[in-house]
Amino acid sequence: MTIKEVDIMNWSECERKFIRNVKIDKERIASITRKAMLRLKRARKTEIAIENVSFVVEDYYEVIKELLTAYLLKYGLRSKNHQCLISYFYKENLGYESESFLISQMSFFRNRLNYYGEDIPMEFYKKNKEEFERIIKIILELIEK
């Protein structure tokens, strides 16, 4: 499988189909963030091998997805679609275009893993692990603002 460039969903489509307004719940935001950090701790502790790299990348994606869920909740928004989490991040943080596209690639690979049983390439992990960590830090800072 080759590493593919993926598109980010159009935000106006997200608003029409997948986004709803919710009450801002700081306790829920904190709880989601704590759980994401526990998952991150597990991912960091895992010794990487060809047999498990797909699951480690999946864990990193899940951490980012959970943090993006908390980020939307901070603004009173809830998404029924993971792609709209990425779309909102992209729309609100234009300076993080490459990060948005990397998250979208992670989502693509995670879906290929879950629905088709395809492995995530070790090269993808090695090339982007530090970026995964940086994206997590960025989103945590956005949640804290």
Protein backbone atom coordinates (compact mmCIF):
# COMPACT_ATOMS: atom_id res chain seq x y z
CA MET A 1 0.00 0.00 0.00
CA THR A 2 1.35 3.42 -0.86
CA ILE A 3 1.08 6.45 1.35
CA LYS A 4 -1.73 8.46 -0.17
CA GLU A 5 -2.65 12.11 -0.01
CA VAL A 6 -6.15 12.42 1.39
CA ASP A 7 -8.67 15.23 1.24
CA ILE A 8 -10.19 16.98 4.20
CA MET A 9 -13.97 17.00 4.31
CA ASN A 10 -15.68 20.30 3.53
CA TRP A 11 -16.75 22.04 6.76
CA SER A 12 -20.06 23.30 5.33
CA GLU A 13 -21.00 19.69 4.52
CA CYS A 14 -20.07 18.74 8.09
CA GLU A 15 -22.28 21.51 9.48
CA ARG A 16 -25.22 20.39 7.35
CA LYS A 17 -24.95 16.67 8.04
CA PHE A 18 -22.85 15.79 11.07
CA ILE A 19 -22.44 18.67 13.54
CA ARG A 20 -24.79 19.68 16.31
CA ASN A 21 -24.62 22.22 19.07
CA VAL A 22 -24.29 20.90 22.61
CA LYS A 23 -23.84 22.37 26.05
CA ILE A 24 -20.20 23.01 26.91
CA ASP A 25 -19.26 20.46 29.57
CA LYS A 26 -15.83 21.13 31.10
CA GLU A 27 -15.88 17.92 33.15
CA ARG A 28 -16.53 15.85 30.04
CA ILE A 29 -13.75 17.65 28.16
CA ALA A 30 -11.37 16.89 31.05
CA SER A 31 -12.47 13.25 31.20
CA ILE A 32 -12.00 12.71 27.45
CA THR A 33 -8.58 14.36 27.66
CA ARG A 34 -7.52 12.15 30.59
CA LYS A 35 -8.57 8.98 28.76
CA ALA A 36 -6.69 10.10 25.65
CA MET A 37 -3.56 10.62 27.75
CA LEU A 38 -3.87 7.11 29.18
CA ARG A 39 -4.08 5.71 25.65
CA LEU A 40 -1.04 7.81 24.69
CA LYS A 41 0.91 6.41 27.63
CA ARG A 42 0.14 2.89 26.41
CA ALA A 43 1.20 3.74 22.83
CA ARG A 44 4.47 5.23 24.03
CA LYS A 45 5.28 2.15 26.14
CA THR A 46 4.70 -0.32 23.32
CA GLU A 47 7.87 -1.70 21.81
CA ILE A 48 7.46 -1.23 18.08
CA ALA A 49 7.65 -4.27 15.82
CA ILE A 50 6.34 -5.00 12.35
CA GLU A 51 3.51 -7.06 13.93
CA ASN A 52 2.17 -4.22 16.08
CA VAL A 53 3.06 -0.96 14.34
CA SER A 54 -0.45 -0.74 12.85
CA PHE A 55 -1.99 -0.85 16.32
CA VAL A 56 0.39 1.78 17.68
CA VAL A 57 -0.44 4.17 14.83
CA GLU A 58 -4.11 3.39 15.45
CA ASP A 59 -3.62 4.32 19.12
CA TYR A 60 -1.98 7.61 18.15
CA TYR A 61 -4.88 8.34 15.81
CA GLU A 62 -7.40 7.51 18.54
CA VAL A 63 -5.60 9.87 20.94
CA ILE A 64 -5.76 12.66 18.37
CA LYS A 65 -9.40 11.89 17.55
CA GLU A 66 -10.37 11.96 21.22
CA LEU A 67 -8.53 15.24 21.74
CA LEU A 68 -10.26 16.72 18.69
CA THR A 69 -13.58 15.59 20.17
CA ALA A 70 -12.71 17.49 23.37
CA TYR A 71 -11.62 20.49 21.27
CA LEU A 72 -14.99 20.65 19.52
CA LEU A 73 -16.82 20.25 22.83
CA LYS A 74 -14.93 23.27 24.12
CA TYR A 75 -16.84 25.27 21.50
CA GLY A 76 -20.17 23.56 22.13
CA LEU A 77 -19.99 21.29 19.09
CA ARG A 78 -20.41 17.54 18.66
CA SER A 79 -19.61 15.59 15.52
CA LYS A 80 -21.11 12.29 14.33
CA ASN A 81 -18.22 11.93 11.88
CA HIS A 82 -14.46 11.67 12.54
CA GLN A 83 -13.69 13.50 9.31
CA CYS A 84 -15.55 16.54 10.60
CA LEU A 85 -13.28 16.64 13.66
CA ILE A 86 -10.35 17.03 11.29
CA SER A 87 -12.26 19.53 9.15
CA TYR A 88 -12.98 21.75 12.16
CA PHE A 89 -9.34 21.65 13.29
CA TYR A 90 -8.25 22.57 9.76
CA LYS A 91 -10.80 25.38 9.44
CA GLU A 92 -9.96 26.95 12.79
CA ASN A 93 -6.17 26.55 12.58
CA LEU A 94 -5.07 27.43 9.07
CA GLY A 95 -1.43 27.48 10.17
CA TYR A 96 -1.65 23.73 10.80
CA GLU A 97 -2.45 22.60 7.27
CA SER A 98 0.23 19.87 7.10
CA GLU A 99 -0.83 18.59 10.54
CA SER A 100 -4.45 18.42 9.37
CA PHE A 101 -3.48 16.40 6.32
CA LEU A 102 -1.35 14.04 8.43
CA ILE A 103 -4.31 13.43 10.77
CA SER A 104 -6.42 12.72 7.70
CA GLN A 105 -3.81 10.22 6.46
CA MET A 106 -3.85 8.54 9.87
CA SER A 107 -7.63 8.26 9.64
CA PHE A 108 -7.33 6.72 6.18
CA PHE A 109 -4.83 4.12 7.40
CA ARG A 110 -6.85 3.38 10.52
CA ASN A 111 -9.95 2.76 8.41
CA ARG A 112 -8.01 0.49 6.02
CA LEU A 113 -6.78 -1.44 9.07
CA ASN A 114 -10.21 -1.76 10.69
CA TYR A 115 -12.31 -2.45 7.60
CA TYR A 116 -9.92 -4.28 5.27
CA GLY A 117 -7.27 -5.73 7.55
CA GLU A 118 -4.49 -3.80 5.80
CA ASP A 119 -1.29 -3.09 7.71
CA ILE A 120 -0.06 0.43 8.30
CA PRO A 121 3.46 0.72 6.87
CA MET A 122 6.33 0.86 9.36
CA GLU A 123 7.80 3.69 7.23
CA PHE A 124 4.70 5.80 7.91
CA TYR A 125 5.19 5.37 11.66
CA LYS A 126 8.94 6.04 11.57
CA LYS A 127 8.57 9.09 9.35
CA ASN A 128 5.74 10.65 11.39
CA LYS A 129 6.02 9.53 15.03
CA GLU A 130 7.48 12.84 16.17
CA GLU A 131 4.75 14.66 14.25
CA PHE A 132 2.09 12.56 16.01
CA GLU A 133 3.51 13.71 19.34
CA ARG A 134 3.69 17.34 18.16
CA ILE A 135 0.08 17.29 16.94
CA ILE A 136 -1.06 15.94 20.30
CA LYS A 137 0.78 18.76 22.05
CA ILE A 138 -0.80 21.34 19.71
CA ILE A 139 -4.33 20.07 20.33
CA LEU A 140 -3.78 19.91 24.10
CA GLU A 141 -2.67 23.56 24.00
CA LEU A 142 -5.76 24.51 21.99
CA ILE A 143 -8.00 22.76 24.52
CA GLU A 144 -6.27 24.58 27.39
CA LYS A 145 -6.59 28.06 25.82
